[in-house]
Amino acid sequence: MSREAVSDFLHAVEHSQKVRKAASSCRSDDELIALANQLGFSVNQRDLNQDSRDSAMTQWFEVSRINSSFQPPKT
């Protein structure tokens, strides 16, 4: 459905030992998506792919020299 759904699911994984244990037993994206859906999160393969790309882009931007040109000047 959206990156928000993936984010909400990851939040649940981080904050619930039961969900974390269930997620750690998943051996494929399909199993992870099925778990998310079973728990009420509208997640699909496209969402996982998009989240992965978005995260990689964010990480690159944080370490890129380009990032410094978007920062306000220090005063």
PDB file of N, CA and C in Angstrom:
ATOM      1  N   MET A   1       0.820  -1.182   0.000  1.00  0.00           N
ATOM      2  CA  MET A   1       0.000   0.000   0.000  1.00  0.00           C
ATOM      3  C   MET A   1       0.868   1.251   0.000  1.00  0.00           C
ATOM      4  N   SER A   2       1.840   1.326   0.921  1.00  0.00           N
ATOM      5  CA  SER A   2       2.670   2.509   0.970  1.00  0.00           C
ATOM      6  C   SER A   2       3.887   2.262   1.839  1.00  0.00           C
ATOM      7  N   ARG A   3       4.793   3.208   1.738  1.00  0.00           N
ATOM      8  CA  ARG A   3       5.963   3.130   2.612  1.00  0.00           C
ATOM      9  C   ARG A   3       5.525   3.253   4.071  1.00  0.00           C
ATOM     10  N   GLU A   4       4.430   3.981   4.288  1.00  0.00           N
ATOM     11  CA  GLU A   4       3.913   4.132   5.648  1.00  0.00           C
ATOM     12  C   GLU A   4       3.512   2.776   6.228  1.00  0.00           C
ATOM     13  N   ALA A   5       2.895   1.925   5.419  1.00  0.00           N
ATOM     14  CA  ALA A   5       2.492   0.593   5.898  1.00  0.00           C
ATOM     15  C   ALA A   5       3.728  -0.229   6.254  1.00  0.00           C
ATOM     16  N   VAL A   6       4.765  -0.139   5.424  1.00  0.00           N
ATOM     17  CA  VAL A   6       6.014  -0.858   5.716  1.00  0.00           C
ATOM     18  C   VAL A   6       6.615  -0.311   7.004  1.00  0.00           C
ATOM     19  N   SER A   7       6.630   1.010   7.122  1.00  0.00           N
ATOM     20  CA  SER A   7       7.178   1.647   8.317  1.00  0.00           C
ATOM     21  C   SER A   7       6.412   1.224   9.567  1.00  0.00           C
ATOM     22  N   ASP A   8       5.102   1.175   9.475  1.00  0.00           N
ATOM     23  CA  ASP A   8       4.273   0.754  10.613  1.00  0.00           C
ATOM     24  C   ASP A   8       4.554  -0.699  10.981  1.00  0.00           C
ATOM     25  N   PHE A   9       4.711  -1.538   9.972  1.00  0.00           N
ATOM     26  CA  PHE A   9       5.022  -2.948  10.228  1.00  0.00           C
ATOM     27  C   PHE A   9       6.389  -3.078  10.895  1.00  0.00           C
ATOM     28  N   LEU A  10       7.377  -2.354  10.387  1.00  0.00           N
ATOM     29  CA  LEU A  10       8.715  -2.403  10.989  1.00  0.00           C
ATOM     30  C   LEU A  10       8.691  -1.895  12.427  1.00  0.00           C
ATOM     31  N   HIS A  11       7.872  -0.891  12.683  1.00  0.00           N
ATOM     32  CA  HIS A  11       7.714  -0.388  14.047  1.00  0.00           C
ATOM     33  C   HIS A  11       7.168  -1.498  14.954  1.00  0.00           C
ATOM     34  N   ALA A  12       6.188  -2.233  14.454  1.00  0.00           N
ATOM     35  CA  ALA A  12       5.621  -3.344  15.225  1.00  0.00           C
ATOM     36  C   ALA A  12       6.670  -4.417  15.482  1.00  0.00           C
ATOM     37  N   VAL A  13       7.498  -4.692  14.473  1.00  0.00           N
ATOM     38  CA  VAL A  13       8.562  -5.695  14.626  1.00  0.00           C
ATOM     39  C   VAL A  13       9.546  -5.244  15.705  1.00  0.00           C
ATOM     40  N   GLU A  14       9.898  -3.965  15.674  1.00  0.00           N
ATOM     41  CA  GLU A  14      10.866  -3.437  16.638  1.00  0.00           C
ATOM     42  C   GLU A  14      10.327  -3.407  18.067  1.00  0.00           C
ATOM     43  N   HIS A  15       9.030  -3.240  18.221  1.00  0.00           N
ATOM     44  CA  HIS A  15       8.472  -3.025  19.555  1.00  0.00           C
ATOM     45  C   HIS A  15       7.682  -4.194  20.129  1.00  0.00           C
ATOM     46  N   SER A  16       7.603  -5.278  19.396  1.00  0.00           N
ATOM     47  CA  SER A  16       6.885  -6.448  19.904  1.00  0.00           C
ATOM     48  C   SER A  16       7.752  -7.693  19.748  1.00  0.00           C
ATOM     49  N   GLN A  17       8.093  -8.285  20.865  1.00  0.00           N
ATOM     50  CA  GLN A  17       8.926  -9.487  20.828  1.00  0.00           C
ATOM     51  C   GLN A  17       8.238 -10.603  20.044  1.00  0.00           C
ATOM     52  N   LYS A  18       6.938 -10.732  20.208  1.00  0.00           N
ATOM     53  CA  LYS A  18       6.185 -11.773  19.507  1.00  0.00           C
ATOM     54  C   LYS A  18       6.258 -11.563  17.988  1.00  0.00           C
ATOM     55  N   VAL A  19       6.047 -10.327  17.537  1.00  0.00           N
ATOM     56  CA  VAL A  19       6.090 -10.032  16.103  1.00  0.00           C
ATOM     57  C   VAL A  19       7.524 -10.189  15.588  1.00  0.00           C
ATOM     58  N   ARG A  20       8.501  -9.735  16.370  1.00  0.00           N
ATOM     59  CA  ARG A  20       9.910  -9.859  15.984  1.00  0.00           C
ATOM     60  C   ARG A  20      10.294 -11.325  15.798  1.00  0.00           C
ATOM     61  N   LYS A  21       9.834 -12.173  16.711  1.00  0.00           N
ATOM     62  CA  LYS A  21      10.139 -13.606  16.612  1.00  0.00           C
ATOM     63  C   LYS A  21       9.500 -14.199  15.357  1.00  0.00           C
ATOM     64  N   ALA A  22       8.258 -13.819  15.098  1.00  0.00           N
ATOM     65  CA  ALA A  22       7.567 -14.324  13.900  1.00  0.00           C
ATOM     66  C   ALA A  22       8.256 -13.838  12.639  1.00  0.00           C
ATOM     67  N   ALA A  23       8.667 -12.578  12.624  1.00  0.00           N
ATOM     68  CA  ALA A  23       9.339 -12.026  11.436  1.00  0.00           C
ATOM     69  C   ALA A  23      10.695 -12.686  11.214  1.00  0.00           C
ATOM     70  N   SER A  24      11.398 -12.988  12.290  1.00  0.00           N
ATOM     71  CA  SER A  24      12.723 -13.601  12.148  1.00  0.00           C
ATOM     72  C   SER A  24      12.644 -15.021  11.606  1.00  0.00           C
ATOM     73  N   SER A  25      11.479 -15.651  11.728  1.00  0.00           N
ATOM     74  CA  SER A  25      11.328 -17.011  11.199  1.00  0.00           C
ATOM     75  C   SER A  25      10.936 -17.010   9.717  1.00  0.00           C
ATOM     76  N   CYS A  26      10.623 -15.843   9.170  1.00  0.00           N
ATOM     77  CA  CYS A  26      10.274 -15.751   7.743  1.00  0.00           C
ATOM     78  C   CYS A  26      11.523 -15.994   6.904  1.00  0.00           C
ATOM     79  N   ARG A  27      11.372 -16.818   5.879  1.00  0.00           N
ATOM     80  CA  ARG A  27      12.513 -17.184   5.036  1.00  0.00           C
ATOM     81  C   ARG A  27      12.446 -16.564   3.652  1.00  0.00           C
ATOM     82  N   SER A  28      11.421 -15.779   3.388  1.00  0.00           N
ATOM     83  CA  SER A  28      11.294 -15.135   2.079  1.00  0.00           C
ATOM     84  C   SER A  28      10.453 -13.879   2.220  1.00  0.00           C
ATOM     85  N   ASP A  29      10.517 -13.048   1.202  1.00  0.00           N
ATOM     86  CA  ASP A  29       9.664 -11.857   1.179  1.00  0.00           C
ATOM     87  C   ASP A  29       8.197 -12.247   1.237  1.00  0.00           C
ATOM     88  N   ASP A  30       7.849 -13.316   0.540  1.00  0.00           N
ATOM     89  CA  ASP A  30       6.446 -13.762   0.526  1.00  0.00           C
ATOM     90  C   ASP A  30       5.956 -14.101   1.934  1.00  0.00           C
ATOM     91  N   GLU A  31       6.799 -14.782   2.712  1.00  0.00           N
ATOM     92  CA  GLU A  31       6.427 -15.121   4.084  1.00  0.00           C
ATOM     93  C   GLU A  31       6.317 -13.858   4.943  1.00  0.00           C
ATOM     94  N   LEU A  32       7.221 -12.918   4.742  1.00  0.00           N
ATOM     95  CA  LEU A  32       7.193 -11.676   5.501  1.00  0.00           C
ATOM     96  C   LEU A  32       5.952 -10.856   5.153  1.00  0.00           C
ATOM     97  N   ILE A  33       5.619 -10.805   3.869  1.00  0.00           N
ATOM     98  CA  ILE A  33       4.417 -10.096   3.425  1.00  0.00           C
ATOM     99  C   ILE A  33       3.169 -10.767   3.996  1.00  0.00           C
ATOM    100  N   ALA A  34       3.143 -12.083   3.970  1.00  0.00           N
ATOM    101  CA  ALA A  34       1.997 -12.814   4.523  1.00  0.00           C
ATOM    102  C   ALA A  34       1.837 -12.514   6.011  1.00  0.00           C
ATOM    103  N   LEU A  35       2.941 -12.464   6.742  1.00  0.00           N
ATOM    104  CA  LEU A  35       2.884 -12.138   8.166  1.00  0.00           C
ATOM    105  C   LEU A  35       2.345 -10.720   8.359  1.00  0.00           C
ATOM    106  N   ALA A  36       2.883  -9.777   7.605  1.00  0.00           N
ATOM    107  CA  ALA A  36       2.421  -8.383   7.720  1.00  0.00           C
ATOM    108  C   ALA A  36       0.920  -8.294   7.454  1.00  0.00           C
ATOM    109  N   ASN A  37       0.478  -8.947   6.390  1.00  0.00           N
ATOM    110  CA  ASN A  37      -0.947  -8.927   6.043  1.00  0.00           C
ATOM    111  C   ASN A  37      -1.791  -9.589   7.129  1.00  0.00           C
ATOM    112  N   GLN A  38      -1.296 -10.686   7.671  1.00  0.00           N
ATOM    113  CA  GLN A  38      -2.010 -11.402   8.735  1.00  0.00           C
ATOM    114  C   GLN A  38      -2.179 -10.503   9.962  1.00  0.00           C
ATOM    115  N   LEU A  39      -1.207  -9.621  10.184  1.00  0.00           N
ATOM    116  CA  LEU A  39      -1.254  -8.722  11.330  1.00  0.00           C
ATOM    117  C   LEU A  39      -2.000  -7.418  11.026  1.00  0.00           C
ATOM    118  N   GLY A  40      -2.526  -7.316   9.807  1.00  0.00           N
ATOM    119  CA  GLY A  40      -3.336  -6.160   9.462  1.00  0.00           C
ATOM    120  C   GLY A  40      -2.606  -5.033   8.747  1.00  0.00           C
ATOM    121  N   PHE A  41      -1.365  -5.271   8.326  1.00  0.00           N
ATOM    122  CA  PHE A  41      -0.605  -4.262   7.601  1.00  0.00           C
ATOM    123  C   PHE A  41      -0.731  -4.534   6.106  1.00  0.00           C
ATOM    124  N   SER A  42      -1.122  -3.538   5.352  1.00  0.00           N
ATOM    125  CA  SER A  42      -1.310  -3.697   3.899  1.00  0.00           C
ATOM    126  C   SER A  42       0.027  -3.508   3.184  1.00  0.00           C
ATOM    127  N   VAL A  43       0.813  -4.568   3.158  1.00  0.00           N
ATOM    128  CA  VAL A  43       2.152  -4.547   2.570  1.00  0.00           C
ATOM    129  C   VAL A  43       2.179  -5.521   1.416  1.00  0.00           C
ATOM    130  N   ASN A  44       2.860  -5.142   0.331  1.00  0.00           N
ATOM    131  CA  ASN A  44       3.051  -6.063  -0.791  1.00  0.00           C
ATOM    132  C   ASN A  44       4.495  -5.974  -1.274  1.00  0.00           C
ATOM    133  N   GLN A  45       4.845  -6.781  -2.257  1.00  0.00           N
ATOM    134  CA  GLN A  45       6.226  -6.840  -2.749  1.00  0.00           C
ATOM    135  C   GLN A  45       6.689  -5.483  -3.267  1.00  0.00           C
ATOM    136  N   ARG A  46       5.812  -4.791  -3.943  1.00  0.00           N
ATOM    137  CA  ARG A  46       6.177  -3.478  -4.477  1.00  0.00           C
ATOM    138  C   ARG A  46       6.564  -2.525  -3.347  1.00  0.00           C
ATOM    139  N   ASP A  47       5.828  -2.585  -2.232  1.00  0.00           N
ATOM    140  CA  ASP A  47       6.145  -1.743  -1.080  1.00  0.00           C
ATOM    141  C   ASP A  47       7.539  -2.050  -0.543  1.00  0.00           C
ATOM    142  N   LEU A  48       7.862  -3.343  -0.425  1.00  0.00           N
ATOM    143  CA  LEU A  48       9.193  -3.720   0.057  1.00  0.00           C
ATOM    144  C   LEU A  48      10.276  -3.231  -0.885  1.00  0.00           C
ATOM    145  N   ASN A  49      10.048  -3.384  -2.185  1.00  0.00           N
ATOM    146  CA  ASN A  49      11.035  -2.925  -3.162  1.00  0.00           C
ATOM    147  C   ASN A  49      11.211  -1.416  -3.090  1.00  0.00           C
ATOM    148  N   GLN A  50      10.101  -0.701  -3.015  1.00  0.00           N
ATOM    149  CA  GLN A  50      10.158   0.763  -2.952  1.00  0.00           C
ATOM    150  C   GLN A  50      10.852   1.218  -1.678  1.00  0.00           C
ATOM    151  N   ASP A  51      10.538   0.579  -0.558  1.00  0.00           N
ATOM    152  CA  ASP A  51      11.156   0.951   0.707  1.00  0.00           C
ATOM    153  C   ASP A  51      12.661   0.726   0.648  1.00  0.00           C
ATOM    154  N   SER A  52      13.059  -0.370   0.037  1.00  0.00           N
ATOM    155  CA  SER A  52      14.484  -0.669  -0.098  1.00  0.00           C
ATOM    156  C   SER A  52      15.184   0.403  -0.931  1.00  0.00           C
ATOM    157  N   ARG A  53      14.571   0.781  -2.048  1.00  0.00           N
ATOM    158  CA  ARG A  53      15.154   1.829  -2.896  1.00  0.00           C
ATOM    159  C   ARG A  53      15.188   3.168  -2.166  1.00  0.00           C
ATOM    160  N   ASP A  54      14.104   3.505  -1.492  1.00  0.00           N
ATOM    161  CA  ASP A  54      14.044   4.770  -0.757  1.00  0.00           C
ATOM    162  C   ASP A  54      15.100   4.817   0.344  1.00  0.00           C
ATOM    163  N   SER A  55      15.251   3.716   1.047  1.00  0.00           N
ATOM    164  CA  SER A  55      16.240   3.662   2.122  1.00  0.00           C
ATOM    165  C   SER A  55      17.653   3.794   1.572  1.00  0.00           C
ATOM    166  N   ALA A  56      17.918   3.125   0.462  1.00  0.00           N
ATOM    167  CA  ALA A  56      19.247   3.221  -0.157  1.00  0.00           C
ATOM    168  C   ALA A  56      19.518   4.645  -0.626  1.00  0.00           C
ATOM    169  N   MET A  57      18.518   5.284  -1.199  1.00  0.00           N
ATOM    170  CA  MET A  57      18.672   6.653  -1.660  1.00  0.00           C
ATOM    171  C   MET A  57      18.912   7.595  -0.480  1.00  0.00           C
ATOM    172  N   THR A  58      18.166   7.418   0.576  1.00  0.00           N
ATOM    173  CA  THR A  58      18.340   8.252   1.763  1.00  0.00           C
ATOM    174  C   THR A  58      19.725   8.068   2.350  1.00  0.00           C
ATOM    175  N   GLN A  59      20.171   6.833   2.435  1.00  0.00           N
ATOM    176  CA  GLN A  59      21.499   6.554   2.975  1.00  0.00           C
ATOM    177  C   GLN A  59      22.580   7.185   2.098  1.00  0.00           C
ATOM    178  N   TRP A  60      22.445   7.061   0.787  1.00  0.00           N
ATOM    179  CA  TRP A  60      23.419   7.661  -0.117  1.00  0.00           C
ATOM    180  C   TRP A  60      23.443   9.173   0.062  1.00  0.00           C
ATOM    181  N   PHE A  61      22.267   9.775   0.131  1.00  0.00           N
ATOM    182  CA  PHE A  61      22.175  11.223   0.250  1.00  0.00           C
ATOM    183  C   PHE A  61      22.824  11.716   1.538  1.00  0.00           C
ATOM    184  N   GLU A  62      22.679  10.955   2.615  1.00  0.00           N
ATOM    185  CA  GLU A  62      23.256  11.348   3.905  1.00  0.00           C
ATOM    186  C   GLU A  62      24.777  11.388   3.869  1.00  0.00           C
ATOM    187  N   VAL A  63      25.400  10.536   3.070  1.00  0.00           N
ATOM    188  CA  VAL A  63      26.865  10.503   3.014  1.00  0.00           C
ATOM    189  C   VAL A  63      27.425  11.225   1.796  1.00  0.00           C
ATOM    190  N   SER A  64      26.569  11.679   0.933  1.00  0.00           N
ATOM    191  CA  SER A  64      26.985  12.337  -0.297  1.00  0.00           C
ATOM    192  C   SER A  64      27.476  13.763  -0.039  1.00  0.00           C
ATOM    193  N   ARG A  65      28.372  14.212  -0.884  1.00  0.00           N
ATOM    194  CA  ARG A  65      28.815  15.603  -0.820  1.00  0.00           C
ATOM    195  C   ARG A  65      27.672  16.553  -1.185  1.00  0.00           C
ATOM    196  N   ILE A  66      26.741  16.078  -1.961  1.00  0.00           N
ATOM    197  CA  ILE A  66      25.595  16.901  -2.364  1.00  0.00           C
ATOM    198  C   ILE A  66      24.821  17.354  -1.145  1.00  0.00           C
ATOM    199  N   ASN A  67      24.721  16.502  -0.152  1.00  0.00           N
ATOM    200  CA  ASN A  67      23.959  16.813   1.054  1.00  0.00           C
ATOM    201  C   ASN A  67      24.420  18.119   1.675  1.00  0.00           C
ATOM    202  N   SER A  68      25.700  18.363   1.700  1.00  0.00           N
ATOM    203  CA  SER A  68      26.202  19.573   2.352  1.00  0.00           C
ATOM    204  C   SER A  68      25.738  20.839   1.640  1.00  0.00           C
ATOM    205  N   SER A  69      25.486  20.772   0.348  1.00  0.00           N
ATOM    206  CA  SER A  69      25.039  21.960  -0.361  1.00  0.00           C
ATOM    207  C   SER A  69      23.593  22.318  -0.036  1.00  0.00           C
ATOM    208  N   PHE A  70      22.859  21.392   0.574  1.00  0.00           N
ATOM    209  CA  PHE A  70      21.476  21.658   0.948  1.00  0.00           C
ATOM    210  C   PHE A  70      21.338  22.052   2.415  1.00  0.00           C
ATOM    211  N   GLN A  71      22.425  22.052   3.128  1.00  0.00           N
ATOM    212  CA  GLN A  71      22.390  22.417   4.537  1.00  0.00           C
ATOM    213  C   GLN A  71      22.465  23.934   4.667  1.00  0.00           C
ATOM    214  N   PRO A  72      21.751  24.493   5.630  1.00  0.00           N
ATOM    215  CA  PRO A  72      21.848  25.945   5.825  1.00  0.00           C
ATOM    216  C   PRO A  72      23.249  26.305   6.320  1.00  0.00           C
ATOM    217  N   PRO A  73      23.721  27.479   5.963  1.00  0.00           N
ATOM    218  CA  PRO A  73      25.050  27.884   6.423  1.00  0.00           C
ATOM    219  C   PRO A  73      25.091  27.967   7.949  1.00  0.00           C
ATOM    220  N   LYS A  74      26.202  27.549   8.501  1.00  0.00           N
ATOM    221  CA  LYS A  74      26.366  27.608   9.959  1.00  0.00           C
ATOM    222  C   LYS A  74      26.724  29.031  10.345  1.00  0.00           C
ATOM    223  N   THR A  75      26.049  29.496  11.381  1.00  0.00           N
ATOM    224  CA  THR A  75      26.316  30.879  11.827  1.00  0.00           C
ATOM    225  C   THR A  75      26.838  30.912  13.225  1.00  0.00           C
TER     226      THR A  75
END
